[in-house]
Protein backbone atom coordinates (compact mmCIF):
# COMPACT_ATOMS: atom_id res chain seq x y z
CA MET A 1 -9.73 -10.00 -13.41
CA ALA A 2 -6.03 -9.76 -12.59
CA PHE A 3 -4.86 -10.31 -9.06
CA GLN A 4 -5.49 -7.19 -7.06
CA TRP A 5 -5.21 -5.85 -3.54
CA ARG A 6 -8.79 -6.60 -2.46
CA PHE A 7 -7.59 -8.41 0.64
CA LEU A 8 -6.79 -5.00 2.15
CA VAL A 9 -10.47 -4.45 2.91
CA LEU A 10 -10.08 -6.97 5.70
CA ALA A 11 -8.13 -4.53 7.80
CA TRP A 12 -8.99 -0.99 7.86
CA MET A 13 8.25 13.88 5.82
CA LEU A 14 9.68 12.24 6.78
CA THR A 15 12.31 10.88 4.62
CA ALA A 16 13.11 10.44 0.97
CA ALA A 17 13.25 6.67 1.29
CA LEU A 18 13.20 4.69 -1.94
CA PRO A 19 11.94 1.08 -2.17
CA LEU A 20 14.12 -1.03 0.11
CA GLY A 21 15.48 -4.48 -0.58
CA LEU A 22 16.01 -7.06 2.13
CA GLY A 23 19.76 -6.76 1.95
CA ALA A 24 19.72 -3.09 2.93
CA VAL A 25 17.39 -3.26 5.88
CA GLY A 26 19.96 -2.04 8.38
CA ALA A 27 20.02 1.36 6.70
CA ARG A 28 16.46 2.20 7.72
CA ALA A 29 15.31 3.53 11.05
CA ALA A 30 13.18 1.16 13.11
CA GLU A 31 10.36 3.63 13.68
CA PRO A 32 7.52 3.68 11.14
CA GLN A 33 7.63 6.54 8.65
CA VAL A 34 5.54 7.97 5.85
CA PRO A 35 6.63 6.31 2.58
CA VAL A 36 8.14 8.43 -0.18
CA LEU A 37 8.51 6.36 -3.34
CA TRP A 38 9.75 9.14 -5.64
CA ASP A 39 13.30 10.26 -6.33
CA ALA A 40 13.42 13.98 -5.58
CA LYS A 41 16.28 14.38 -8.08
CA GLU A 42 14.17 13.09 -10.96
CA ARG A 43 12.07 15.80 -12.59
CA LEU A 44 9.22 14.53 -14.71
CA PRO A 45 7.97 16.76 -17.56
CA LYS A 46 4.75 18.64 -16.91
CA PRO A 47 2.12 17.39 -19.37
CA ASP A 48 -0.05 19.56 -21.56
CA LEU A 49 -3.61 18.35 -21.05
CA SER A 50 -5.34 21.33 -22.61
CA ALA A 51 -6.87 19.09 -25.29
CA LEU A 52 -8.14 16.52 -22.79
CA PRO A 53 -11.94 16.78 -22.70
CA ARG A 54 -12.38 14.89 -19.43
CA LEU A 55 -10.58 12.85 -16.79
CA ARG A 56 -13.01 10.50 -15.09
CA PHE A 57 -11.63 8.23 -12.39
CA LEU A 58 -13.46 4.94 -11.87
CA THR A 59 -13.46 3.38 -8.42
CA THR A 60 -15.63 1.31 -6.06
CA THR A 61 -17.43 1.90 -2.76
CA ASP A 62 -16.35 -1.22 -0.86
CA PHE A 63 -12.60 -0.84 -0.28
CA PRO A 64 -12.10 1.14 2.95
CA PRO A 65 -10.12 3.15 3.79
CA PHE A 66 -9.28 3.67 0.12
CA ASN A 67 -12.77 4.18 -1.29
CA PHE A 68 -16.06 3.90 0.60
CA LEU A 69 -19.32 5.66 1.36
CA ASP A 70 -19.19 7.70 4.57
CA GLY A 71 -22.03 8.06 7.07
CA ALA A 72 -23.74 10.60 4.84
CA GLY A 73 -23.50 8.36 1.79
CA LYS A 74 -20.73 10.48 0.25
CA LEU A 75 -17.91 8.83 -1.71
CA SER A 76 -14.81 9.21 0.44
CA GLY A 77 -11.41 7.72 1.12
CA PHE A 78 -7.71 7.86 0.40
CA HIS A 79 -8.22 7.27 -3.33
CA ILE A 80 -10.88 9.95 -3.59
CA ASP A 81 -8.65 12.57 -1.99
CA LEU A 82 -5.74 11.43 -4.13
CA ALA A 83 -7.74 11.66 -7.38
CA ARG A 84 -8.87 15.19 -6.55
CA ALA A 85 -5.31 16.22 -5.72
CA ILE A 86 -4.11 14.79 -9.04
CA CYS A 87 -6.68 16.87 -10.91
CA ALA A 88 -5.65 19.99 -9.01
CA GLU A 89 -1.96 19.35 -9.74
CA LEU A 90 -2.71 18.90 -13.45
CA GLY A 91 -4.82 22.06 -13.52
CA ILE A 92 -7.93 20.27 -14.80
CA VAL A 93 -10.28 20.38 -11.80
CA ASP A 94 -13.13 21.52 -14.05
CA LYS A 95 -12.63 18.46 -16.26
CA CYS A 96 -12.31 15.96 -13.41
CA GLN A 97 -14.93 13.42 -12.34
CA ILE A 98 -15.03 10.41 -10.02
CA GLN A 99 -17.53 7.60 -10.53
CA ALA A 100 -18.07 4.54 -8.35
CA LEU A 101 -19.04 1.21 -9.93
CA PRO A 102 -19.13 -2.42 -8.80
CA TRP A 103 -15.68 -4.00 -9.02
CA GLY A 104 -16.67 -6.33 -11.83
CA GLU A 105 -17.75 -3.43 -14.07
CA LEU A 106 -14.56 -1.37 -13.90
CA GLU A 107 -12.66 -3.04 -16.72
CA GLY A 108 -15.60 -2.92 -19.14
CA ALA A 109 -16.35 0.71 -18.33
CA LEU A 110 -12.75 1.70 -19.08
CA GLU A 111 -12.76 -0.24 -22.35
CA LYS A 112 -16.02 1.43 -23.45
CA GLY A 113 -14.64 4.91 -22.74
CA GLU A 114 -16.92 5.52 -19.76
CA GLY A 115 -13.86 6.54 -17.79
CA GLU A 116 -10.21 7.34 -18.37
CA ALA A 117 -8.54 5.79 -15.32
CA ILE A 118 -9.20 3.20 -12.62
CA ILE A 119 -8.09 4.04 -9.09
CA ALA A 120 -9.22 1.00 -7.14
CA GLY A 121 -6.26 -1.20 -6.29
CA ILE A 122 -5.59 -3.10 -9.52
CA ALA A 123 -2.11 -4.58 -9.20
CA ALA A 124 0.39 -4.15 -12.03
CA THR A 125 1.28 -7.72 -13.02
CA PRO A 126 2.48 -9.21 -16.33
CA GLU A 127 -1.11 -10.28 -16.99
CA SER A 128 -2.72 -6.93 -16.13
CA ARG A 129 -0.12 -4.97 -18.12
CA SER A 130 -1.53 -6.58 -21.26
CA LYS A 131 -4.84 -4.83 -20.49
CA TYR A 132 -3.76 -1.54 -18.92
CA ALA A 133 -1.10 1.15 -18.94
CA PHE A 134 -0.15 1.91 -15.34
CA SER A 135 1.17 4.88 -13.45
CA ARG A 136 4.14 4.24 -11.22
CA SER A 137 3.34 2.82 -7.81
CA TYR A 138 2.15 5.39 -5.27
CA LEU A 139 1.83 3.04 -2.29
CA GLN A 140 3.47 -0.25 -1.42
CA PHE A 141 2.75 -2.74 1.33
CA PRO A 142 5.82 -3.81 3.28
CA ALA A 143 6.24 -6.86 5.43
CA ARG A 144 6.83 -6.06 9.11
CA PHE A 145 7.69 -7.77 12.37
CA ILE A 146 5.64 -7.04 15.47
CA THR A 147 6.50 -7.97 19.05
CA PRO A 148 5.12 -7.39 22.54
CA LYS A 149 6.26 -4.00 23.79
CA THR A 150 8.27 -5.72 26.52
CA LYS A 151 10.32 -7.56 23.88
CA ALA A 152 10.97 -4.78 21.37
CA LEU A 153 13.67 -5.37 18.76
CA SER A 154 15.74 -2.80 16.90
CA GLU A 155 17.69 -3.05 13.66
CA PRO A 156 19.58 -5.04 12.68
CA VAL A 157 17.11 -7.71 13.76
CA PHE A 158 18.54 -10.76 11.99
CA ASP A 159 20.79 -11.99 14.79
CA LYS A 160 18.30 -10.96 17.47
CA LEU A 161 15.69 -13.21 15.89
CA ARG A 162 17.87 -16.31 16.01
CA SER A 163 15.90 -19.25 17.47
CA LYS A 164 12.86 -17.01 18.18
CA ARG A 165 9.39 -18.43 17.61
CA VAL A 166 7.98 -16.33 14.74
CA GLY A 167 4.34 -16.62 13.79
CA VAL A 168 3.21 -16.12 10.19
CA LEU A 169 0.13 -16.93 8.11
CA ALA A 170 0.53 -20.36 6.53
CA GLY A 171 0.97 -20.43 2.76
CA SER A 172 1.39 -16.66 2.48
CA ALA A 173 4.05 -14.71 0.62
CA HIS A 174 5.24 -13.61 4.05
CA GLU A 175 5.88 -17.21 5.04
CA ARG A 176 7.97 -17.70 1.89
CA MET A 177 9.93 -14.53 2.70
CA LEU A 178 10.52 -15.67 6.24
CA ARG A 179 11.78 -19.09 5.16
CA ASP A 180 14.05 -17.64 2.48
CA TYR A 181 15.60 -14.73 4.41
CA PHE A 182 15.31 -15.59 8.10
CA ASP A 183 16.26 -19.24 8.21
CA THR A 184 17.52 -19.10 11.81
CA VAL A 185 14.06 -18.58 13.33
CA GLN A 186 11.51 -21.15 14.44
CA ILE A 187 8.58 -20.66 12.07
CA VAL A 188 5.12 -21.15 13.54
CA PRO A 189 2.43 -21.16 10.80
CA PHE A 190 -1.13 -20.02 11.54
CA ASP A 191 -4.28 -20.55 9.49
CA LYS A 192 -6.09 -17.48 10.86
CA PRO A 193 -4.83 -13.98 11.72
CA GLU A 194 -6.79 -13.91 14.98
CA ASP A 195 -4.99 -17.05 16.17
CA LEU A 196 -1.63 -15.46 15.37
CA TYR A 197 -2.56 -12.31 17.29
CA ASN A 198 -3.87 -14.25 20.27
CA ASP A 199 -0.71 -16.32 20.56
CA LEU A 200 1.44 -13.20 20.30
CA LYS A 201 -0.51 -11.54 23.12
CA ALA A 202 -0.28 -14.73 25.19
CA ALA A 203 3.51 -14.95 24.62
CA LYS A 204 3.16 -18.35 22.94
CA ILE A 205 5.25 -16.89 20.10
CA ASP A 206 7.95 -14.24 20.37
CA VAL A 207 7.34 -12.35 17.13
CA ALA A 208 4.81 -12.14 14.30
CA PHE A 209 5.71 -11.47 10.66
CA GLY A 210 3.24 -10.36 8.02
CA ASP A 211 1.51 -7.58 6.11
CA GLY A 212 2.43 -4.24 7.62
CA MET A 213 -0.89 -2.58 6.86
CA ARG A 214 -2.96 -5.33 8.47
CA PHE A 215 -0.63 -5.22 11.47
CA ALA A 216 -1.02 -1.43 11.70
CA PHE A 217 -4.79 -1.64 11.91
CA TRP A 218 -4.57 -4.38 14.52
CA LEU A 219 -2.02 -2.46 16.60
CA GLY A 220 -4.28 0.59 16.59
CA GLY A 221 -7.43 -1.35 17.44
CA SER A 222 -9.06 -2.42 20.67
CA ASP A 223 -8.17 -6.09 20.26
CA ALA A 224 -4.44 -5.40 20.57
CA ALA A 225 -5.11 -3.31 23.70
CA GLY A 226 -1.73 -1.61 23.35
CA CYS A 227 0.15 -4.87 23.79
CA CYS A 228 2.52 -4.73 20.90
CA ARG A 229 4.55 -2.64 18.48
CA PHE A 230 6.45 -2.82 15.21
CA ALA A 231 9.98 -4.18 15.46
CA GLY A 232 12.70 -3.38 12.96
CA GLY A 233 12.07 -1.69 9.66
CA PRO A 234 9.77 -2.30 6.67
CA TYR A 235 10.66 -4.89 4.04
CA LEU A 236 9.70 -4.07 0.46
CA ALA A 237 10.16 -7.15 -1.71
CA PRO A 238 8.29 -6.92 -5.05
CA GLU A 239 9.24 -10.47 -5.97
CA TYR A 240 7.11 -11.66 -3.03
CA LEU A 241 4.66 -8.85 -2.33
CA GLY A 242 4.07 -7.22 -5.72
CA THR A 243 4.71 -3.64 -6.73
CA GLY A 244 1.90 -2.02 -4.77
CA MET A 245 -0.86 0.30 -5.94
CA SER A 246 -0.94 2.09 -9.29
CA ILE A 247 -3.55 3.89 -11.38
CA ALA A 248 -4.66 2.01 -14.49
CA THR A 249 -5.49 3.62 -17.83
CA ARG A 250 -6.28 2.05 -21.20
CA VAL A 251 -3.30 0.21 -22.62
CA ASP A 252 -3.29 2.54 -25.65
CA ASN A 253 -3.06 5.66 -23.45
CA PRO A 254 0.44 5.63 -21.90
CA ALA A 255 0.53 9.44 -22.18
CA LEU A 256 -2.18 9.72 -19.54
CA ALA A 257 -0.30 7.29 -17.29
CA ALA A 258 2.79 9.51 -17.66
CA ALA A 259 0.72 12.60 -16.78
CA LEU A 260 -0.47 10.82 -13.65
CA ASP A 261 3.15 10.09 -12.76
CA TYR A 262 3.94 13.80 -12.92
CA ALA A 263 1.02 14.66 -10.65
CA LEU A 264 1.80 11.88 -8.18
CA GLN A 265 5.42 12.99 -7.89
CA GLU A 266 4.41 16.60 -7.28
CA ILE A 267 1.86 15.53 -4.67
CA SER A 268 4.54 13.50 -2.91
CA MET A 269 7.23 16.20 -3.02
CA LYS A 270 4.85 18.89 -1.71
CA GLY A 271 3.80 16.79 1.28
CA THR A 272 0.20 16.33 0.17
CA PHE A 273 0.58 12.57 -0.07
CA ALA A 274 1.94 12.45 3.48
CA GLU A 275 -1.10 14.39 4.69
CA PHE A 276 -3.46 11.86 3.09
CA TYR A 277 -1.42 8.90 4.35
CA LEU A 278 -1.48 10.07 7.96
CA ARG A 279 -5.19 10.89 7.70
CA TYR A 280 -6.17 7.37 6.69
CA PHE A 281 -3.34 5.38 8.27
CA PRO A 282 -2.75 6.98 11.68
CA VAL A 283 -0.63 3.99 12.68
CA SER A 284 1.92 4.03 9.89
CA PHE A 285 2.91 0.65 8.45
CA PHE A 286 6.29 2.04 7.35
């Protein structure tokens, strides 16, 4: 199976901001925001799905907060709400279904026609694009800096980080980013996230750099105890971090992927996506 975003399970408008490169970071506000990955000036054609007999989304139950079973055993999560909103936007609620399967069965079920789309965090890579047609990305995962609240940094952070001790997970894409774009810092690699967090709280390092979503869950949890905050803006760098989350359809069904694009854009422009994002990510990682 192609590389995917399964590591996210380890953690649990706003502006018309498009994906941001490292060179333009000073243009973004330092405070986290709800991401909007669609150009409001681009109008996608509304698809005619009157001949579509069914749209069944395939997902899993073990990927919180995206898809999971709640306390009552009901399939819930960000992806579940998003799939239902897509069906409503396309006007096919009566034809819409959501089925949960084990991760390893998703690809085979799609190939056998047991579903029309997978909404479970499959990443769009050169390898996976040979198997699937993908919607555009609806959520990306930026790199972020975090600091103790007493040492908050604002943009532009580059010069302010000079000679600072910056912790990062060893061997990660974030370490490669840090070495390539912030070569004036003292890089302190860590093997385990908990060791990085502990040293940040103990002021053994000045700053931590890593996955914004994981950081958001830590900042909002009891372990952080309100010690720290995001510093500077989000860094979206597909060459290091991938292109984020997309919905996969069969490779011979690009028309459905395009229909999903239309629905996703409408959901974003109407504020529905922001509602879902804030519901499941109360500490925004943007």
